[in-house]
Amino acid sequence: MCGNGRLEQRPEDRGAFSCGDCSRVVTSPVLKRHLQVFLDCRSRPQCRVKVKLLQRSISSLLRFAAGEDGSYEVKSVLGKEVGLLNCFVQSV
């Protein structure tokens, strides 16, 4: 696959996935989620911290939050703890 990450499901091929750009069939798609969390810093009220969570942290956070249809409600993850996080802090 060309690596663009844009998969399309093809109903004519029993729901098989293919690349949206190069049309190659993808037999085993890999699910990746992206989740960013914004934090306020009490000691520096003018700063806001953005944390991009790793896949294992996202999976841990969403493990028990899925609705019956597989979707997620924001309120089901608000206030949840994910444990210790390794992160890189950059001032912008």
N, C-alpha and C. Protein backbone atom coordinates (compact mmCIF):
# COMPACT_ATOMS: atom_id res chain seq x y z
N MET A 1 0.84 -1.18 0.00
CA MET A 1 0.00 0.00 0.00
C MET A 1 0.88 1.24 0.00
N CYS A 2 0.35 2.32 -0.47
CA CYS A 2 1.14 3.54 -0.61
C CYS A 2 1.36 4.26 0.71
N GLY A 3 0.64 3.89 1.77
CA GLY A 3 0.88 4.46 3.09
C GLY A 3 0.09 5.70 3.43
N ASN A 4 -0.91 6.05 2.63
CA ASN A 4 -1.65 7.28 2.91
C ASN A 4 -2.62 7.14 4.06
N GLY A 5 -3.02 5.91 4.42
CA GLY A 5 -3.92 5.70 5.54
C GLY A 5 -5.38 5.98 5.25
N ARG A 6 -5.73 6.21 4.01
CA ARG A 6 -7.12 6.51 3.64
C ARG A 6 -7.77 5.26 3.06
N LEU A 7 -8.42 4.48 3.91
CA LEU A 7 -9.06 3.25 3.47
C LEU A 7 -10.50 3.49 3.08
N GLU A 8 -10.95 2.73 2.11
CA GLU A 8 -12.35 2.77 1.69
C GLU A 8 -12.88 1.35 1.72
N GLN A 9 -14.14 1.22 2.15
CA GLN A 9 -14.75 -0.10 2.18
C GLN A 9 -15.54 -0.29 0.89
N ARG A 10 -15.34 -1.45 0.26
CA ARG A 10 -15.97 -1.72 -1.04
C ARG A 10 -17.10 -2.73 -0.88
N PRO A 11 -18.36 -2.27 -0.93
CA PRO A 11 -19.49 -3.18 -0.77
C PRO A 11 -19.54 -4.27 -1.84
N GLU A 12 -19.07 -3.96 -3.04
CA GLU A 12 -19.11 -4.96 -4.12
C GLU A 12 -18.16 -6.13 -3.87
N ASP A 13 -17.19 -5.95 -2.97
CA ASP A 13 -16.25 -7.02 -2.61
C ASP A 13 -16.50 -7.51 -1.19
N ARG A 14 -17.77 -7.61 -0.81
CA ARG A 14 -18.17 -8.07 0.53
C ARG A 14 -17.53 -7.25 1.65
N GLY A 15 -17.42 -5.96 1.45
CA GLY A 15 -16.92 -5.08 2.49
C GLY A 15 -15.42 -5.04 2.65
N ALA A 16 -14.68 -5.58 1.67
CA ALA A 16 -13.22 -5.55 1.75
C ALA A 16 -12.74 -4.10 1.71
N PHE A 17 -11.58 -3.87 2.29
CA PHE A 17 -11.01 -2.53 2.29
C PHE A 17 -9.99 -2.39 1.17
N SER A 18 -9.91 -1.17 0.63
CA SER A 18 -8.89 -0.88 -0.36
C SER A 18 -8.37 0.53 -0.12
N CYS A 19 -7.19 0.80 -0.64
CA CYS A 19 -6.57 2.12 -0.50
C CYS A 19 -7.33 3.12 -1.36
N GLY A 20 -7.65 4.27 -0.79
CA GLY A 20 -8.38 5.30 -1.51
C GLY A 20 -7.59 5.95 -2.62
N ASP A 21 -6.27 5.84 -2.59
CA ASP A 21 -5.44 6.46 -3.62
C ASP A 21 -4.98 5.46 -4.68
N CYS A 22 -4.39 4.34 -4.24
CA CYS A 22 -3.81 3.41 -5.21
C CYS A 22 -4.72 2.22 -5.51
N SER A 23 -5.85 2.08 -4.80
CA SER A 23 -6.87 1.04 -5.01
C SER A 23 -6.41 -0.38 -4.71
N ARG A 24 -5.26 -0.55 -4.07
CA ARG A 24 -4.82 -1.89 -3.70
C ARG A 24 -5.68 -2.41 -2.55
N VAL A 25 -5.98 -3.71 -2.58
CA VAL A 25 -6.79 -4.33 -1.53
C VAL A 25 -5.96 -4.46 -0.26
N VAL A 26 -6.58 -4.13 0.87
CA VAL A 26 -5.93 -4.23 2.18
C VAL A 26 -6.62 -5.38 2.91
N THR A 27 -5.88 -6.47 3.13
CA THR A 27 -6.48 -7.66 3.73
C THR A 27 -6.55 -7.58 5.25
N SER A 28 -5.62 -6.90 5.88
CA SER A 28 -5.61 -6.80 7.34
C SER A 28 -5.38 -5.35 7.76
N PRO A 29 -6.44 -4.53 7.74
CA PRO A 29 -6.25 -3.13 8.13
C PRO A 29 -5.88 -3.02 9.61
N VAL A 30 -5.07 -2.03 9.93
CA VAL A 30 -4.65 -1.77 11.31
C VAL A 30 -5.40 -0.53 11.79
N LEU A 31 -6.11 -0.69 12.90
CA LEU A 31 -6.88 0.41 13.45
C LEU A 31 -5.97 1.27 14.32
N LYS A 32 -5.92 2.55 14.01
CA LYS A 32 -5.15 3.49 14.83
C LYS A 32 -6.07 4.64 15.20
N ARG A 33 -6.02 5.00 16.45
CA ARG A 33 -6.82 6.11 16.93
C ARG A 33 -5.89 7.25 17.32
N HIS A 34 -6.41 8.45 17.19
CA HIS A 34 -5.67 9.64 17.61
C HIS A 34 -6.52 10.36 18.64
N LEU A 35 -5.91 10.68 19.76
CA LEU A 35 -6.63 11.38 20.81
C LEU A 35 -5.70 12.39 21.45
N GLN A 36 -6.15 13.63 21.47
CA GLN A 36 -5.39 14.70 22.10
C GLN A 36 -6.16 15.19 23.32
N VAL A 37 -5.43 15.46 24.37
CA VAL A 37 -6.02 15.95 25.60
C VAL A 37 -5.42 17.31 25.90
N PHE A 38 -6.25 18.26 26.25
CA PHE A 38 -5.78 19.59 26.60
C PHE A 38 -5.91 19.78 28.11
N LEU A 39 -4.83 20.23 28.73
CA LEU A 39 -4.79 20.40 30.17
C LEU A 39 -4.50 21.85 30.52
N ASP A 40 -5.08 22.30 31.61
CA ASP A 40 -4.75 23.61 32.15
C ASP A 40 -3.69 23.43 33.22
N CYS A 41 -2.79 24.37 33.30
CA CYS A 41 -1.72 24.31 34.29
C CYS A 41 -1.97 25.40 35.33
N ARG A 42 -2.29 24.99 36.56
CA ARG A 42 -2.63 25.96 37.61
C ARG A 42 -1.48 26.88 37.96
N SER A 43 -0.25 26.37 37.91
CA SER A 43 0.89 27.21 38.27
C SER A 43 1.24 28.20 37.16
N ARG A 44 0.74 27.96 35.97
CA ARG A 44 0.95 28.87 34.84
C ARG A 44 -0.38 29.04 34.10
N PRO A 45 -1.24 29.92 34.60
CA PRO A 45 -2.58 30.05 34.03
C PRO A 45 -2.60 30.48 32.56
N GLN A 46 -1.54 31.08 32.08
CA GLN A 46 -1.49 31.52 30.68
C GLN A 46 -1.11 30.37 29.74
N CYS A 47 -0.76 29.22 30.30
CA CYS A 47 -0.33 28.07 29.49
C CYS A 47 -1.42 27.02 29.40
N ARG A 48 -1.42 26.34 28.29
CA ARG A 48 -2.31 25.20 28.08
C ARG A 48 -1.45 24.08 27.51
N VAL A 49 -1.60 22.90 28.04
CA VAL A 49 -0.77 21.76 27.65
C VAL A 49 -1.59 20.83 26.76
N LYS A 50 -1.01 20.45 25.61
CA LYS A 50 -1.65 19.50 24.71
C LYS A 50 -0.86 18.20 24.77
N VAL A 51 -1.55 17.10 25.04
CA VAL A 51 -0.91 15.79 25.13
C VAL A 51 -1.53 14.89 24.07
N LYS A 52 -0.69 14.31 23.21
CA LYS A 52 -1.14 13.32 22.24
C LYS A 52 -0.92 11.95 22.87
N LEU A 53 -1.99 11.22 23.09
CA LEU A 53 -1.89 9.94 23.77
C LEU A 53 -1.41 8.84 22.83
N LEU A 54 -0.66 7.89 23.39
CA LEU A 54 -0.21 6.72 22.65
C LEU A 54 -1.36 5.73 22.51
N GLN A 55 -1.23 4.80 21.57
CA GLN A 55 -2.28 3.83 21.31
C GLN A 55 -2.69 3.05 22.56
N ARG A 56 -1.72 2.63 23.36
CA ARG A 56 -2.06 1.83 24.55
C ARG A 56 -2.82 2.66 25.58
N SER A 57 -2.52 3.96 25.68
CA SER A 57 -3.26 4.83 26.60
C SER A 57 -4.68 5.05 26.10
N ILE A 58 -4.83 5.23 24.80
CA ILE A 58 -6.16 5.42 24.21
C ILE A 58 -7.00 4.17 24.42
N SER A 59 -6.42 3.01 24.17
CA SER A 59 -7.14 1.75 24.35
C SER A 59 -7.58 1.57 25.80
N SER A 60 -6.69 1.91 26.72
CA SER A 60 -7.01 1.80 28.14
C SER A 60 -8.16 2.73 28.51
N LEU A 61 -8.13 3.93 28.00
CA LEU A 61 -9.15 4.92 28.29
C LEU A 61 -10.51 4.55 27.70
N LEU A 62 -10.49 3.99 26.49
CA LEU A 62 -11.74 3.68 25.79
C LEU A 62 -12.27 2.27 26.04
N ARG A 63 -11.52 1.46 26.76
CA ARG A 63 -11.87 0.05 26.95
C ARG A 63 -13.32 -0.15 27.39
N PHE A 64 -13.80 0.63 28.33
CA PHE A 64 -15.15 0.44 28.86
C PHE A 64 -16.09 1.58 28.47
N ALA A 65 -15.68 2.38 27.50
CA ALA A 65 -16.46 3.57 27.15
C ALA A 65 -17.29 3.42 25.87
N ALA A 66 -17.17 2.32 25.17
CA ALA A 66 -17.86 2.16 23.89
C ALA A 66 -19.36 1.97 24.09
N GLY A 67 -20.12 2.64 23.24
CA GLY A 67 -21.57 2.47 23.24
C GLY A 67 -21.95 1.20 22.49
N GLU A 68 -23.23 0.91 22.44
CA GLU A 68 -23.71 -0.30 21.77
C GLU A 68 -23.36 -0.31 20.28
N ASP A 69 -23.32 0.87 19.67
CA ASP A 69 -23.03 0.96 18.24
C ASP A 69 -21.53 1.11 17.94
N GLY A 70 -20.69 1.02 18.99
CA GLY A 70 -19.24 1.12 18.79
C GLY A 70 -18.71 2.54 18.85
N SER A 71 -19.59 3.52 19.02
CA SER A 71 -19.13 4.91 19.10
C SER A 71 -18.81 5.26 20.55
N TYR A 72 -18.23 6.43 20.75
CA TYR A 72 -17.82 6.87 22.08
C TYR A 72 -18.43 8.22 22.38
N GLU A 73 -18.92 8.38 23.60
CA GLU A 73 -19.43 9.66 24.06
C GLU A 73 -18.32 10.36 24.84
N VAL A 74 -18.17 11.65 24.63
CA VAL A 74 -17.14 12.41 25.32
C VAL A 74 -17.31 12.30 26.83
N LYS A 75 -18.54 12.38 27.31
CA LYS A 75 -18.78 12.34 28.75
C LYS A 75 -18.34 11.02 29.39
N SER A 76 -18.22 9.96 28.59
CA SER A 76 -17.81 8.67 29.15
C SER A 76 -16.31 8.60 29.45
N VAL A 77 -15.54 9.55 28.93
CA VAL A 77 -14.10 9.55 29.20
C VAL A 77 -13.63 10.77 29.99
N LEU A 78 -14.50 11.77 30.16
CA LEU A 78 -14.11 12.95 30.92
C LEU A 78 -13.83 12.58 32.37
N GLY A 79 -12.73 13.08 32.90
CA GLY A 79 -12.38 12.84 34.29
C GLY A 79 -11.75 11.49 34.56
N LYS A 80 -11.53 10.69 33.54
CA LYS A 80 -10.92 9.36 33.72
C LYS A 80 -9.41 9.50 33.81
N GLU A 81 -8.80 8.60 34.56
CA GLU A 81 -7.34 8.58 34.68
C GLU A 81 -6.77 7.48 33.80
N VAL A 82 -5.62 7.76 33.21
CA VAL A 82 -4.96 6.76 32.37
C VAL A 82 -3.65 6.29 32.98
N GLY A 83 -3.31 6.79 34.14
CA GLY A 83 -2.06 6.39 34.78
C GLY A 83 -0.91 7.28 34.37
N LEU A 84 0.29 6.82 34.64
CA LEU A 84 1.48 7.60 34.31
C LEU A 84 1.68 7.66 32.80
N LEU A 85 2.09 8.81 32.32
CA LEU A 85 2.32 9.00 30.89
C LEU A 85 3.75 9.46 30.66
N ASN A 86 4.40 8.84 29.71
CA ASN A 86 5.68 9.36 29.24
C ASN A 86 5.36 10.39 28.18
N CYS A 87 5.95 11.56 28.29
CA CYS A 87 5.64 12.58 27.30
C CYS A 87 6.84 13.50 27.09
N PHE A 88 6.76 14.21 26.00
CA PHE A 88 7.75 15.21 25.63
C PHE A 88 7.07 16.56 25.76
N VAL A 89 7.63 17.46 26.53
CA VAL A 89 7.03 18.78 26.74
C VAL A 89 7.79 19.80 25.90
N GLN A 90 7.03 20.56 25.14
CA GLN A 90 7.63 21.57 24.27
C GLN A 90 6.86 22.87 24.46
N SER A 91 7.57 23.95 24.62
CA SER A 91 6.94 25.26 24.75
C SER A 91 6.78 25.87 23.37
N VAL A 92 5.57 26.34 23.07
CA VAL A 92 5.32 26.97 21.77
C VAL A 92 4.76 28.36 21.94
